[in-house]
Amino acid sequence: MTEYAHREKRRARSKVLLLGIAIGILVIGIGIWRVARKRKALAEVKHRSSATAIPVDVVPVKRMTLRQVLHITGSIKSQADITVGAEIPGRVVYVGADEGDLVHTGQVLIRLDDSTIRAQVEQARAGYQSAIAQYEQLQLARQLEGKKVTVDLETAKAQVEAAEARVRKLETMLKMTNRETGINIEQAQANLDSARTALKQLEQQVKITDEQAEAELKRAESALKAARERLRMAEEGIGAKDEQVEAQIQQANAQLAATRAMLQKVRTGARKQEREQARQAVARAKATLDTARAEFERAKFLYQRGAISKAHYDQAKQLYEVAKANYESAQQALDMIEEGARPE
């Protein structure tokens, strides 16, 4: 039994050995066949190379940039999207670039209708000029007021001097004669009342704002009062003739007329500033009218195309009509000032 197993084992080994030898012979044969085929291919290549030789140049190796153009289909997208728009709303009247165009820094892309803004600028300029005219008018009024104060003081001083002169004259007459005569107290009182009335009218027409001028005026009034008191005392002692009283009344009337002429001259001198102020008012009203007209035309255009409501359109129309009426009123006022003197 053991011998039989031993024989089977040797028989199996023989089979494996024969199989390995057969495989080795097969591998060696395949290798020899591939080597022979490669040699044959190399021989054919050498034969073709020797038949058609290609000339080549031998140059030193150097570094260079190779450019390669690629044809790619796709879409280009920017790294950042920027929205371009105007800082103020308005109607676009010019477009400087189309979609996809290359633009540069500082290039004008759109232009808005600036008629309304220009009208507002003109209105602001007119307001500025009007403010300057009002300032100059106030400066002139202040200077004229100072002149009024000076004239008023001179008038009061003249009245004091005239009263003092009358007192001195009456005192002289008192020394020259000792006779007593009747005096027309009523006429003298009327003379004083007329002088007081003229003084009150002058004080009502002229407003003195300077403290120093007010103090001077008070001192002049005190001196005038004292002179009148001396005059009253002198009149109690002597009689004045009717001709002298009449001359005093005429002198007071002449002083009052001179004061009125002075006031009329001052008012006439301020007329130039009033005309300038009226012109500035017309300029402001004209600028406002231009702005309202532009807004009304714009609202009318949008309303006809259904872009705004009728209430908005009516509001723009009403503003335009009011601005037009204001302009016509300002123009009429300027025409009245330039035509002639106004009634006092």
C-alpha atoms as a PDB file:
ATOM      1  CA  MET A   1       0.000   0.000   0.000  1.00  0.00           C
ATOM      2  CA  THR A   2       2.814   2.355   0.707  1.00  0.00           C
ATOM      3  CA  GLU A   3       4.708   1.441  -2.401  1.00  0.00           C
ATOM      4  CA  TYR A   4       1.670   2.137  -4.499  1.00  0.00           C
ATOM      5  CA  ALA A   5       1.375   5.655  -3.022  1.00  0.00           C
ATOM      6  CA  HIS A   6       5.015   6.250  -3.612  1.00  0.00           C
ATOM      7  CA  ARG A   7       4.670   5.374  -7.268  1.00  0.00           C
ATOM      8  CA  GLU A   8       1.671   7.645  -7.655  1.00  0.00           C
ATOM      9  CA  LYS A   9       3.599  10.450  -6.132  1.00  0.00           C
ATOM     10  CA  ARG A  10       6.535   9.965  -8.517  1.00  0.00           C
ATOM     11  CA  ARG A  11       4.145   9.795 -11.421  1.00  0.00           C
ATOM     12  CA  ALA A  12       2.571  13.114 -10.430  1.00  0.00           C
ATOM     13  CA  ARG A  13       5.963  14.724 -10.151  1.00  0.00           C
ATOM     14  CA  SER A  14       6.860  13.500 -13.618  1.00  0.00           C
ATOM     15  CA  LYS A  15       3.710  15.049 -15.029  1.00  0.00           C
ATOM     16  CA  VAL A  16       4.455  18.391 -13.388  1.00  0.00           C
ATOM     17  CA  LEU A  17       8.013  18.340 -14.646  1.00  0.00           C
ATOM     18  CA  LEU A  18       6.913  17.562 -18.183  1.00  0.00           C
ATOM     19  CA  LEU A  19       4.325  20.341 -18.027  1.00  0.00           C
ATOM     20  CA  GLY A  20       6.959  22.839 -16.814  1.00  0.00           C
ATOM     21  CA  ILE A  21       9.372  21.822 -19.552  1.00  0.00           C
ATOM     22  CA  ALA A  22       6.641  22.240 -22.165  1.00  0.00           C
ATOM     23  CA  ILE A  23       5.745  25.713 -20.855  1.00  0.00           C
ATOM     24  CA  GLY A  24       9.392  26.747 -20.801  1.00  0.00           C
ATOM     25  CA  ILE A  25       9.887  25.597 -24.374  1.00  0.00           C
ATOM     26  CA  LEU A  26       6.756  27.559 -25.377  1.00  0.00           C
ATOM     27  CA  VAL A  27       7.937  30.731 -23.663  1.00  0.00           C
ATOM     28  CA  ILE A  28      11.380  30.451 -25.217  1.00  0.00           C
ATOM     29  CA  GLY A  29       9.811  30.001 -28.632  1.00  0.00           C
ATOM     30  CA  ILE A  30       7.584  33.049 -28.232  1.00  0.00           C
ATOM     31  CA  GLY A  31      10.528  35.145 -27.114  1.00  0.00           C
ATOM     32  CA  ILE A  32      12.648  34.039 -30.046  1.00  0.00           C
ATOM     33  CA  TRP A  33       9.724  34.871 -32.405  1.00  0.00           C
ATOM     34  CA  ARG A  34       9.254  38.380 -30.966  1.00  0.00           C
ATOM     35  CA  VAL A  35      12.983  39.145 -31.124  1.00  0.00           C
ATOM     36  CA  ALA A  36      13.134  37.990 -34.706  1.00  0.00           C
ATOM     37  CA  ARG A  37      10.090  40.160 -35.560  1.00  0.00           C
ATOM     38  CA  LYS A  38      11.573  43.254 -33.891  1.00  0.00           C
ATOM     39  CA  ARG A  39      14.850  42.789 -35.739  1.00  0.00           C
ATOM     40  CA  LYS A  40      12.992  42.493 -38.999  1.00  0.00           C
ATOM     41  CA  ALA A  41      11.055  45.756 -38.249  1.00  0.00           C
ATOM     42  CA  LEU A  42      14.285  47.579 -37.407  1.00  0.00           C
ATOM     43  CA  ALA A  43      15.852  46.392 -40.600  1.00  0.00           C
ATOM     44  CA  GLU A  44      12.879  47.701 -42.588  1.00  0.00           C
ATOM     45  CA  VAL A  45      13.050  51.105 -40.843  1.00  0.00           C
ATOM     46  CA  LYS A  46      16.783  51.389 -41.554  1.00  0.00           C
ATOM     47  CA  HIS A  47      16.126  50.483 -45.109  1.00  0.00           C
ATOM     48  CA  ARG A  48      13.463  53.209 -45.484  1.00  0.00           C
ATOM     49  CA  SER A  49      15.607  55.768 -43.682  1.00  0.00           C
ATOM     50  CA  SER A  50      18.508  55.159 -45.978  1.00  0.00           C
ATOM     51  CA  ALA A  51      16.160  55.431 -48.971  1.00  0.00           C
ATOM     52  CA  THR A  52      14.468  58.785 -47.972  1.00  0.00           C
ATOM     53  CA  ALA A  53      16.771  60.707 -45.605  1.00  0.00           C
ATOM     54  CA  ILE A  54      15.328  63.966 -44.111  1.00  0.00           C
ATOM     55  CA  PRO A  55      17.856  66.802 -43.647  1.00  0.00           C
ATOM     56  CA  VAL A  56      17.933  68.330 -40.159  1.00  0.00           C
ATOM     57  CA  ASP A  57      19.751  71.280 -38.542  1.00  0.00           C
ATOM     58  CA  VAL A  58      21.642  70.973 -35.329  1.00  0.00           C
ATOM     59  CA  VAL A  59      21.446  74.112 -33.197  1.00  0.00           C
ATOM     60  CA  PRO A  60      22.319  74.925 -29.593  1.00  0.00           C
ATOM     61  CA  VAL A  61      19.542  74.516 -27.074  1.00  0.00           C
ATOM     62  CA  LYS A  62      18.021  77.804 -25.858  1.00  0.00           C
ATOM     63  CA  ARG A  63      15.003  78.863 -23.752  1.00  0.00           C
ATOM     64  CA  MET A  64      12.038  80.512 -25.531  1.00  0.00           C
ATOM     65  CA  THR A  65       8.285  81.043 -25.170  1.00  0.00           C
ATOM     66  CA  LEU A  66       5.987  78.820 -27.157  1.00  0.00           C
ATOM     67  CA  ARG A  67       2.641  80.379 -28.065  1.00  0.00           C
ATOM     68  CA  GLN A  68      -0.379  78.225 -28.519  1.00  0.00           C
ATOM     69  CA  VAL A  69      -3.748  79.534 -29.662  1.00  0.00           C
ATOM     70  CA  LEU A  70      -6.740  77.794 -28.212  1.00  0.00           C
ATOM     71  CA  HIS A  71     -10.191  78.081 -29.739  1.00  0.00           C
ATOM     72  CA  ILE A  72     -12.639  77.843 -26.841  1.00  0.00           C
ATOM     73  CA  THR A  73     -16.368  78.270 -26.837  1.00  0.00           C
ATOM     74  CA  GLY A  74     -17.918  79.791 -23.706  1.00  0.00           C
ATOM     75  CA  SER A  75     -19.179  83.007 -22.015  1.00  0.00           C
ATOM     76  CA  ILE A  76     -17.107  85.766 -20.343  1.00  0.00           C
ATOM     77  CA  LYS A  77     -18.172  86.977 -16.907  1.00  0.00           C
ATOM     78  CA  SER A  78     -16.678  89.956 -15.052  1.00  0.00           C
ATOM     79  CA  GLN A  79     -15.303  89.631 -11.565  1.00  0.00           C
ATOM     80  CA  ALA A  80     -17.481  92.498 -10.287  1.00  0.00           C
ATOM     81  CA  ASP A  81     -20.775  93.963 -11.537  1.00  0.00           C
ATOM     82  CA  ILE A  82     -21.181  97.761 -11.200  1.00  0.00           C
ATOM     83  CA  THR A  83     -24.513  99.536 -11.607  1.00  0.00           C
ATOM     84  CA  VAL A  84     -24.116 102.880 -13.374  1.00  0.00           C
ATOM     85  CA  GLY A  85     -26.722 105.564 -12.688  1.00  0.00           C
ATOM     86  CA  ALA A  86     -27.236 109.299 -12.127  1.00  0.00           C
ATOM     87  CA  GLU A  87     -27.219 110.838  -8.651  1.00  0.00           C
ATOM     88  CA  ILE A  88     -30.443 112.767  -9.391  1.00  0.00           C
ATOM     89  CA  PRO A  89     -33.547 111.667 -11.327  1.00  0.00           C
ATOM     90  CA  GLY A  90     -34.237 113.182 -14.721  1.00  0.00           C
ATOM     91  CA  ARG A  91     -34.922 112.635 -18.395  1.00  0.00           C
ATOM     92  CA  VAL A  92     -32.008 111.085 -20.370  1.00  0.00           C
ATOM     93  CA  VAL A  93     -31.157 113.042 -23.523  1.00  0.00           C
ATOM     94  CA  TYR A  94     -27.841 111.381 -24.473  1.00  0.00           C
ATOM     95  CA  VAL A  95     -26.376 107.836 -24.225  1.00  0.00           C
ATOM     96  CA  GLY A  96     -22.635 107.585 -24.883  1.00  0.00           C
ATOM     97  CA  ALA A  97     -22.126 103.772 -25.000  1.00  0.00           C
ATOM     98  CA  ASP A  98     -24.026 100.622 -25.962  1.00  0.00           C
ATOM     99  CA  GLU A  99     -24.073  97.288 -24.177  1.00  0.00           C
ATOM    100  CA  GLY A 100     -20.764  95.491 -24.605  1.00  0.00           C
ATOM    101  CA  ASP A 101     -18.765  98.610 -25.587  1.00  0.00           C
ATOM    102  CA  LEU A 102     -15.388  99.309 -24.033  1.00  0.00           C
ATOM    103  CA  VAL A 103     -15.502 102.446 -21.883  1.00  0.00           C
ATOM    104  CA  HIS A 104     -12.728 104.485 -20.270  1.00  0.00           C
ATOM    105  CA  THR A 105     -12.345 106.461 -17.080  1.00  0.00           C
ATOM    106  CA  GLY A 106     -13.982 109.857 -17.310  1.00  0.00           C
ATOM    107  CA  GLN A 107     -16.079 108.993 -20.355  1.00  0.00           C
ATOM    108  CA  VAL A 108     -19.595 110.461 -20.395  1.00  0.00           C
ATOM    109  CA  LEU A 109     -22.090 107.579 -20.479  1.00  0.00           C
ATOM    110  CA  ILE A 110     -25.403 109.435 -20.133  1.00  0.00           C
ATOM    111  CA  ARG A 111     -26.512 113.072 -20.049  1.00  0.00           C
ATOM    112  CA  LEU A 112     -29.709 114.287 -18.368  1.00  0.00           C
ATOM    113  CA  ASP A 113     -31.967 117.176 -19.321  1.00  0.00           C
ATOM    114  CA  ASP A 114     -30.657 120.078 -17.231  1.00  0.00           C
ATOM    115  CA  SER A 115     -33.233 122.737 -18.125  1.00  0.00           C
ATOM    116  CA  THR A 116     -35.004 122.437 -14.753  1.00  0.00           C
ATOM    117  CA  ILE A 117     -31.734 122.507 -12.799  1.00  0.00           C
ATOM    118  CA  ARG A 118     -30.556 125.540 -14.775  1.00  0.00           C
ATOM    119  CA  ALA A 119     -33.796 127.352 -13.975  1.00  0.00           C
ATOM    120  CA  GLN A 120     -33.334 126.550 -10.282  1.00  0.00           C
ATOM    121  CA  VAL A 121     -29.751 127.832 -10.437  1.00  0.00           C
ATOM    122  CA  GLU A 122     -30.935 131.074 -12.055  1.00  0.00           C
ATOM    123  CA  GLN A 123     -33.582 131.390  -9.370  1.00  0.00           C
ATOM    124  CA  ALA A 124     -30.955 130.925  -6.652  1.00  0.00           C
ATOM    125  CA  ARG A 125     -28.719 133.526  -8.319  1.00  0.00           C
ATOM    126  CA  ALA A 126     -31.620 135.964  -8.523  1.00  0.00           C
ATOM    127  CA  GLY A 127     -32.303 135.407  -4.821  1.00  0.00           C
ATOM    128  CA  TYR A 128     -28.639 136.049  -4.070  1.00  0.00           C
ATOM    129  CA  GLN A 129     -28.661 139.295  -6.082  1.00  0.00           C
ATOM    130  CA  SER A 130     -31.869 140.339  -4.339  1.00  0.00           C
ATOM    131  CA  ALA A 131     -30.274 139.699  -0.948  1.00  0.00           C
ATOM    132  CA  ILE A 132     -27.303 141.852  -1.979  1.00  0.00           C
ATOM    133  CA  ALA A 133     -29.653 144.627  -3.133  1.00  0.00           C
ATOM    134  CA  GLN A 134     -31.579 144.477   0.149  1.00  0.00           C
ATOM    135  CA  TYR A 135     -28.324 144.622   2.088  1.00  0.00           C
ATOM    136  CA  GLU A 136     -27.167 147.655   0.101  1.00  0.00           C
ATOM    137  CA  GLN A 137     -30.577 149.273   0.600  1.00  0.00           C
ATOM    138  CA  LEU A 138     -30.317 148.747   4.361  1.00  0.00           C
ATOM    139  CA  GLN A 139     -26.827 150.254   4.322  1.00  0.00           C
ATOM    140  CA  LEU A 140     -28.084 153.251   2.359  1.00  0.00           C
ATOM    141  CA  ALA A 141     -31.105 153.595   4.650  1.00  0.00           C
ATOM    142  CA  ARG A 142     -28.788 153.586   7.610  1.00  0.00           C
ATOM    143  CA  GLN A 143     -26.669 156.327   6.041  1.00  0.00           C
ATOM    144  CA  LEU A 144     -29.781 158.328   5.131  1.00  0.00           C
ATOM    145  CA  GLU A 145     -31.104 157.852   8.636  1.00  0.00           C
ATOM    146  CA  GLY A 146     -27.888 159.283   9.976  1.00  0.00           C
ATOM    147  CA  LYS A 147     -28.351 162.259   7.639  1.00  0.00           C
ATOM    148  CA  LYS A 148     -31.927 162.635   8.880  1.00  0.00           C
ATOM    149  CA  VAL A 149     -30.665 162.738  12.449  1.00  0.00           C
ATOM    150  CA  THR A 150     -28.131 165.403  11.530  1.00  0.00           C
ATOM    151  CA  VAL A 151     -30.721 167.521   9.707  1.00  0.00           C
ATOM    152  CA  ASP A 152     -33.181 167.165  12.571  1.00  0.00           C
ATOM    153  CA  LEU A 153     -30.570 168.269  15.073  1.00  0.00           C
ATOM    154  CA  GLU A 154     -29.650 171.237  12.916  1.00  0.00           C
ATOM    155  CA  THR A 155     -33.336 172.191  12.669  1.00  0.00           C
ATOM    156  CA  ALA A 156     -33.823 171.916  16.423  1.00  0.00           C
ATOM    157  CA  LYS A 157     -30.694 173.953  17.035  1.00  0.00           C
ATOM    158  CA  ALA A 158     -31.935 176.578  14.571  1.00  0.00           C
ATOM    159  CA  GLN A 159     -35.240 176.755  16.417  1.00  0.00           C
ATOM    160  CA  VAL A 160     -33.423 177.183  19.720  1.00  0.00           C
ATOM    161  CA  GLU A 161     -31.232 179.904  18.279  1.00  0.00           C
ATOM    162  CA  ALA A 162     -34.284 181.656  16.816  1.00  0.00           C
ATOM    163  CA  ALA A 163     -36.088 181.478  20.158  1.00  0.00           C
ATOM    164  CA  GLU A 164     -33.029 182.796  21.949  1.00  0.00           C
ATOM    165  CA  ALA A 165     -32.796 185.618  19.430  1.00  0.00           C
ATOM    166  CA  ARG A 166     -36.414 186.525  20.051  1.00  0.00           C
ATOM    167  CA  VAL A 167     -35.774 186.494  23.811  1.00  0.00           C
ATOM    168  CA  ARG A 168     -32.753 188.742  23.418  1.00  0.00           C
ATOM    169  CA  LYS A 169     -34.730 191.096  21.192  1.00  0.00           C
ATOM    170  CA  LEU A 170     -37.600 191.257  23.676  1.00  0.00           C
ATOM    171  CA  GLU A 171     -35.201 191.836  26.550  1.00  0.00           C
ATOM    172  CA  THR A 172     -33.603 194.671  24.600  1.00  0.00           C
ATOM    173  CA  MET A 173     -37.020 196.183  23.934  1.00  0.00           C
ATOM    174  CA  LEU A 174     -37.802 195.806  27.666  1.00  0.00           C
ATOM    175  CA  LYS A 175     -34.709 197.776  28.578  1.00  0.00           C
ATOM    176  CA  MET A 176     -35.459 200.477  25.989  1.00  0.00           C
ATOM    177  CA  THR A 177     -38.995 201.183  27.139  1.00  0.00           C
ATOM    178  CA  ASN A 178     -40.853 201.081  30.423  1.00  0.00           C
ATOM    179  CA  ARG A 179     -44.349 201.416  29.046  1.00  0.00           C
ATOM    180  CA  GLU A 180     -46.753 198.561  29.348  1.00  0.00           C
ATOM    181  CA  THR A 181     -48.934 197.537  26.460  1.00  0.00           C
ATOM    182  CA  GLY A 182     -51.350 194.765  25.952  1.00  0.00           C
ATOM    183  CA  ILE A 183     -50.112 191.700  24.252  1.00  0.00           C
ATOM    184  CA  ASN A 184     -52.048 189.366  22.044  1.00  0.00           C
ATOM    185  CA  ILE A 185     -51.622 186.233  24.134  1.00  0.00           C
ATOM    186  CA  GLU A 186     -53.808 184.188  21.833  1.00  0.00           C
ATOM    187  CA  GLN A 187     -51.623 184.877  18.771  1.00  0.00           C
ATOM    188  CA  ALA A 188     -48.463 184.108  20.715  1.00  0.00           C
ATOM    189  CA  GLN A 189     -50.012 180.865  21.967  1.00  0.00           C
ATOM    190  CA  ALA A 190     -51.017 179.974  18.408  1.00  0.00           C
ATOM    191  CA  ASN A 191     -47.424 180.595  17.325  1.00  0.00           C
ATOM    192  CA  LEU A 192     -46.139 178.257  20.013  1.00  0.00           C
ATOM    193  CA  ASP A 193     -48.778 175.620  19.193  1.00  0.00           C
ATOM    194  CA  SER A 194     -47.808 175.768  15.509  1.00  0.00           C
ATOM    195  CA  ALA A 195     -44.159 175.301  16.390  1.00  0.00           C
ATOM    196  CA  ARG A 196     -45.020 172.370  18.664  1.00  0.00           C
ATOM    197  CA  THR A 197     -47.130 170.763  15.911  1.00  0.00           C
ATOM    198  CA  ALA A 198     -44.303 171.122  13.370  1.00  0.00           C
ATOM    199  CA  LEU A 199     -41.888 169.603  15.856  1.00  0.00           C
ATOM    200  CA  LYS A 200     -44.226 166.659  16.535  1.00  0.00           C
ATOM    201  CA  GLN A 201     -44.699 166.012  12.802  1.00  0.00           C
ATOM    202  CA  LEU A 202     -40.939 166.083  12.317  1.00  0.00           C
ATOM    203  CA  GLU A 203     -40.453 163.662  15.211  1.00  0.00           C
ATOM    204  CA  GLN A 204     -43.085 161.275  13.779  1.00  0.00           C
ATOM    205  CA  GLN A 205     -41.559 161.270  10.270  1.00  0.00           C
ATOM    206  CA  VAL A 206     -37.931 160.775  11.377  1.00  0.00           C
ATOM    207  CA  LYS A 207     -36.994 157.826  13.616  1.00  0.00           C
ATOM    208  CA  ILE A 208     -33.675 158.319  15.372  1.00  0.00           C
ATOM    209  CA  THR A 209     -31.965 155.088  16.411  1.00  0.00           C
ATOM    210  CA  ASP A 210     -28.539 156.335  17.425  1.00  0.00           C
ATOM    211  CA  GLU A 211     -28.289 156.844  21.199  1.00  0.00           C
ATOM    212  CA  GLN A 212     -25.914 159.779  20.883  1.00  0.00           C
ATOM    213  CA  ALA A 213     -28.240 161.507  18.435  1.00  0.00           C
ATOM    214  CA  GLU A 214     -31.161 160.960  20.813  1.00  0.00           C
ATOM    215  CA  ALA A 215     -29.190 162.497  23.625  1.00  0.00           C
ATOM    216  CA  GLU A 216     -28.302 165.522  21.499  1.00  0.00           C
ATOM    217  CA  LEU A 217     -31.948 165.895  20.498  1.00  0.00           C
ATOM    218  CA  LYS A 218     -33.082 165.763  24.125  1.00  0.00           C
ATOM    219  CA  ARG A 219     -30.547 168.438  25.033  1.00  0.00           C
ATOM    220  CA  ALA A 220     -31.774 170.560  22.118  1.00  0.00           C
ATOM    221  CA  GLU A 221     -35.398 170.104  23.202  1.00  0.00           C
ATOM    222  CA  SER A 222     -34.472 171.117  26.750  1.00  0.00           C
ATOM    223  CA  ALA A 223     -32.740 174.202  25.428  1.00  0.00           C
ATOM    224  CA  LEU A 224     -35.772 174.988  23.260  1.00  0.00           C
ATOM    225  CA  LYS A 225     -38.087 174.573  26.228  1.00  0.00           C
ATOM    226  CA  ALA A 226     -35.932 176.870  28.312  1.00  0.00           C
ATOM    227  CA  ALA A 227     -35.866 179.437  25.528  1.00  0.00           C
ATOM    228  CA  ARG A 228     -39.651 179.274  25.229  1.00  0.00           C
ATOM    229  CA  GLU A 229     -39.952 179.772  28.963  1.00  0.00           C
ATOM    230  CA  ARG A 230     -37.725 182.837  28.758  1.00  0.00           C
ATOM    231  CA  LEU A 231     -39.840 184.038  25.845  1.00  0.00           C
ATOM    232  CA  ARG A 232     -43.038 183.585  27.879  1.00  0.00           C
ATOM    233  CA  MET A 233     -41.569 185.500  30.765  1.00  0.00           C
ATOM    234  CA  ALA A 234     -40.469 188.282  28.441  1.00  0.00           C
ATOM    235  CA  GLU A 235     -43.870 188.399  26.761  1.00  0.00           C
ATOM    236  CA  GLU A 236     -45.506 188.862  30.140  1.00  0.00           C
ATOM    237  CA  GLY A 237     -43.364 191.981  30.649  1.00  0.00           C
ATOM    238  CA  ILE A 238     -43.754 193.717  27.246  1.00  0.00           C
ATOM    239  CA  GLY A 239     -46.098 193.760  24.278  1.00  0.00           C
ATOM    240  CA  ALA A 240     -45.088 192.476  20.929  1.00  0.00           C
ATOM    241  CA  LYS A 241     -46.543 194.077  17.825  1.00  0.00           C
ATOM    242  CA  ASP A 242     -48.801 192.112  15.477  1.00  0.00           C
ATOM    243  CA  GLU A 243     -46.228 192.434  12.695  1.00  0.00           C
ATOM    244  CA  GLN A 244     -43.594 190.750  14.843  1.00  0.00           C
ATOM    245  CA  VAL A 245     -45.952 187.902  15.746  1.00  0.00           C
ATOM    246  CA  GLU A 246     -46.844 187.418  12.069  1.00  0.00           C
ATOM    247  CA  ALA A 247     -43.142 187.340  11.180  1.00  0.00           C
ATOM    248  CA  GLN A 248     -42.572 184.658  13.803  1.00  0.00           C
ATOM    249  CA  ILE A 249     -45.431 182.569  12.395  1.00  0.00           C
ATOM    250  CA  GLN A 250     -44.016 182.906   8.891  1.00  0.00           C
ATOM    251  CA  GLN A 251     -40.585 181.871  10.144  1.00  0.00           C
ATOM    252  CA  ALA A 252     -42.056 178.767  11.796  1.00  0.00           C
ATOM    253  CA  ASN A 253     -43.933 177.896   8.588  1.00  0.00           C
ATOM    254  CA  ALA A 254     -40.735 178.351   6.571  1.00  0.00           C
ATOM    255  CA  GLN A 255     -38.894 175.990   8.907  1.00  0.00           C
ATOM    256  CA  LEU A 256     -41.691 173.431   8.582  1.00  0.00           C
ATOM    257  CA  ALA A 257     -41.637 173.723   4.777  1.00  0.00           C
ATOM    258  CA  ALA A 258     -37.862 173.287   4.744  1.00  0.00           C
ATOM    259  CA  THR A 259     -38.201 170.149   6.882  1.00  0.00           C
ATOM    260  CA  ARG A 260     -40.816 168.702   4.547  1.00  0.00           C
ATOM    261  CA  ALA A 261     -38.608 169.478   1.537  1.00  0.00           C
ATOM    262  CA  MET A 262     -35.720 167.694   3.234  1.00  0.00           C
ATOM    263  CA  LEU A 263     -37.869 164.606   3.889  1.00  0.00           C
ATOM    264  CA  GLN A 264     -39.103 164.620   0.302  1.00  0.00           C
ATOM    265  CA  LYS A 265     -35.497 164.796  -0.911  1.00  0.00           C
ATOM    266  CA  VAL A 266     -34.548 161.817   1.273  1.00  0.00           C
ATOM    267  CA  ARG A 267     -37.476 159.778  -0.048  1.00  0.00           C
ATOM    268  CA  THR A 268     -36.569 160.629  -3.638  1.00  0.00           C
ATOM    269  CA  GLY A 269     -32.977 159.561  -3.021  1.00  0.00           C
ATOM    270  CA  ALA A 270     -34.127 156.078  -1.909  1.00  0.00           C
ATOM    271  CA  ARG A 271     -36.163 155.512  -5.106  1.00  0.00           C
ATOM    272  CA  LYS A 272     -33.141 154.065  -6.970  1.00  0.00           C
ATOM    273  CA  GLN A 273     -32.834 151.257  -4.438  1.00  0.00           C
ATOM    274  CA  GLU A 274     -36.556 150.556  -4.706  1.00  0.00           C
ATOM    275  CA  ARG A 275     -36.240 150.194  -8.482  1.00  0.00           C
ATOM    276  CA  GLU A 276     -33.304 147.807  -8.053  1.00  0.00           C
ATOM    277  CA  GLN A 277     -35.283 145.774  -5.516  1.00  0.00           C
ATOM    278  CA  ALA A 278     -38.241 145.640  -7.913  1.00  0.00           C
ATOM    279  CA  ARG A 279     -35.972 144.428 -10.714  1.00  0.00           C
ATOM    280  CA  GLN A 280     -34.588 141.709  -8.459  1.00  0.00           C
ATOM    281  CA  ALA A 281     -38.149 140.665  -7.577  1.00  0.00           C
ATOM    282  CA  VAL A 282     -38.959 140.391 -11.298  1.00  0.00           C
ATOM    283  CA  ALA A 283     -35.826 138.294 -11.849  1.00  0.00           C
ATOM    284  CA  ARG A 284     -36.789 135.927  -9.028  1.00  0.00           C
ATOM    285  CA  ALA A 285     -40.333 135.646 -10.314  1.00  0.00           C
ATOM    286  CA  LYS A 286     -39.024 134.964 -13.845  1.00  0.00           C
ATOM    287  CA  ALA A 287     -36.731 132.173 -12.604  1.00  0.00           C
ATOM    288  CA  THR A 288     -39.597 130.646 -10.616  1.00  0.00           C
ATOM    289  CA  LEU A 289     -41.850 130.858 -13.679  1.00  0.00           C
ATOM    290  CA  ASP A 290     -39.239 129.095 -15.847  1.00  0.00           C
ATOM    291  CA  THR A 291     -38.933 126.289 -13.318  1.00  0.00           C
ATOM    292  CA  ALA A 292     -42.712 125.919 -13.008  1.00  0.00           C
ATOM    293  CA  ARG A 293     -43.106 125.961 -16.814  1.00  0.00           C
ATOM    294  CA  ALA A 294     -40.494 123.206 -17.241  1.00  0.00           C
ATOM    295  CA  GLU A 295     -42.157 121.079 -14.560  1.00  0.00           C
ATOM    296  CA  PHE A 296     -45.582 121.645 -16.145  1.00  0.00           C
ATOM    297  CA  GLU A 297     -44.348 120.630 -19.614  1.00  0.00           C
ATOM    298  CA  ARG A 298     -42.738 117.516 -18.135  1.00  0.00           C
ATOM    299  CA  ALA A 299     -45.931 116.613 -16.211  1.00  0.00           C
ATOM    300  CA  LYS A 300     -48.004 117.206 -19.335  1.00  0.00           C
ATOM    301  CA  PHE A 301     -45.758 114.910 -21.380  1.00  0.00           C
ATOM    302  CA  LEU A 302     -45.943 112.136 -18.754  1.00  0.00           C
ATOM    303  CA  TYR A 303     -49.694 112.557 -18.204  1.00  0.00           C
ATOM    304  CA  GLN A 304     -50.454 112.193 -21.924  1.00  0.00           C
ATOM    305  CA  ARG A 305     -48.618 108.846 -21.853  1.00  0.00           C
ATOM    306  CA  GLY A 306     -50.284 107.646 -18.665  1.00  0.00           C
ATOM    307  CA  ALA A 307     -47.102 107.790 -16.557  1.00  0.00           C
ATOM    308  CA  ILE A 308     -48.539 110.049 -13.800  1.00  0.00           C
ATOM    309  CA  SER A 309     -51.960 110.683 -12.301  1.00  0.00           C
ATOM    310  CA  LYS A 310     -54.243 113.591 -13.117  1.00  0.00           C
ATOM    311  CA  ALA A 311     -53.817 114.968  -9.588  1.00  0.00           C
ATOM    312  CA  HIS A 312     -50.086 115.285 -10.169  1.00  0.00           C
ATOM    313  CA  TYR A 313     -50.735 116.974 -13.502  1.00  0.00           C
ATOM    314  CA  ASP A 314     -53.246 119.410 -11.962  1.00  0.00           C
ATOM    315  CA  GLN A 315     -50.793 120.279  -9.197  1.00  0.00           C
ATOM    316  CA  ALA A 316     -48.044 121.107 -11.711  1.00  0.00           C
ATOM    317  CA  LYS A 317     -50.505 123.201 -13.722  1.00  0.00           C
ATOM    318  CA  GLN A 318     -51.619 125.118 -10.650  1.00  0.00           C
ATOM    319  CA  LEU A 319     -48.026 125.859  -9.640  1.00  0.00           C
ATOM    320  CA  TYR A 320     -47.329 127.136 -13.155  1.00  0.00           C
ATOM    321  CA  GLU A 321     -50.360 129.441 -13.110  1.00  0.00           C
ATOM    322  CA  VAL A 322     -49.433 130.825  -9.667  1.00  0.00           C
ATOM    323  CA  ALA A 323     -45.839 131.473 -10.795  1.00  0.00           C
ATOM    324  CA  LYS A 324     -47.138 133.202 -13.931  1.00  0.00           C
ATOM    325  CA  ALA A 325     -49.440 135.442 -11.890  1.00  0.00           C
ATOM    326  CA  ASN A 326     -46.596 136.332  -9.497  1.00  0.00           C
ATOM    327  CA  TYR A 327     -44.339 137.232 -12.397  1.00  0.00           C
ATOM    328  CA  GLU A 328     -46.971 139.465 -13.995  1.00  0.00           C
ATOM    329  CA  SER A 329     -47.598 141.171 -10.637  1.00  0.00           C
ATOM    330  CA  ALA A 330     -43.874 141.806 -10.103  1.00  0.00           C
ATOM    331  CA  GLN A 331     -43.544 143.157 -13.644  1.00  0.00           C
ATOM    332  CA  GLN A 332     -46.491 145.520 -13.134  1.00  0.00           C
ATOM    333  CA  ALA A 333     -44.965 146.790  -9.883  1.00  0.00           C
ATOM    334  CA  LEU A 334     -41.659 147.471 -11.661  1.00  0.00           C
ATOM    335  CA  ASP A 335     -43.469 149.281 -14.488  1.00  0.00           C
ATOM    336  CA  MET A 336     -45.296 151.499 -11.991  1.00  0.00           C
ATOM    337  CA  ILE A 337     -42.023 152.414 -10.256  1.00  0.00           C
ATOM    338  CA  GLU A 338     -40.206 153.149 -13.525  1.00  0.00           C
ATOM    339  CA  GLU A 339     -43.109 155.210 -14.984  1.00  0.00           C
ATOM    340  CA  GLY A 340     -42.924 157.992 -12.420  1.00  0.00           C
ATOM    341  CA  ALA A 341     -43.057 159.112  -8.776  1.00  0.00           C
ATOM    342  CA  ARG A 342     -45.409 157.252  -6.495  1.00  0.00           C
ATOM    343  CA  PRO A 343     -48.130 159.137  -4.571  1.00  0.00           C
ATOM    344  CA  GLU A 344     -47.090 159.953  -1.015  1.00  0.00           C
END
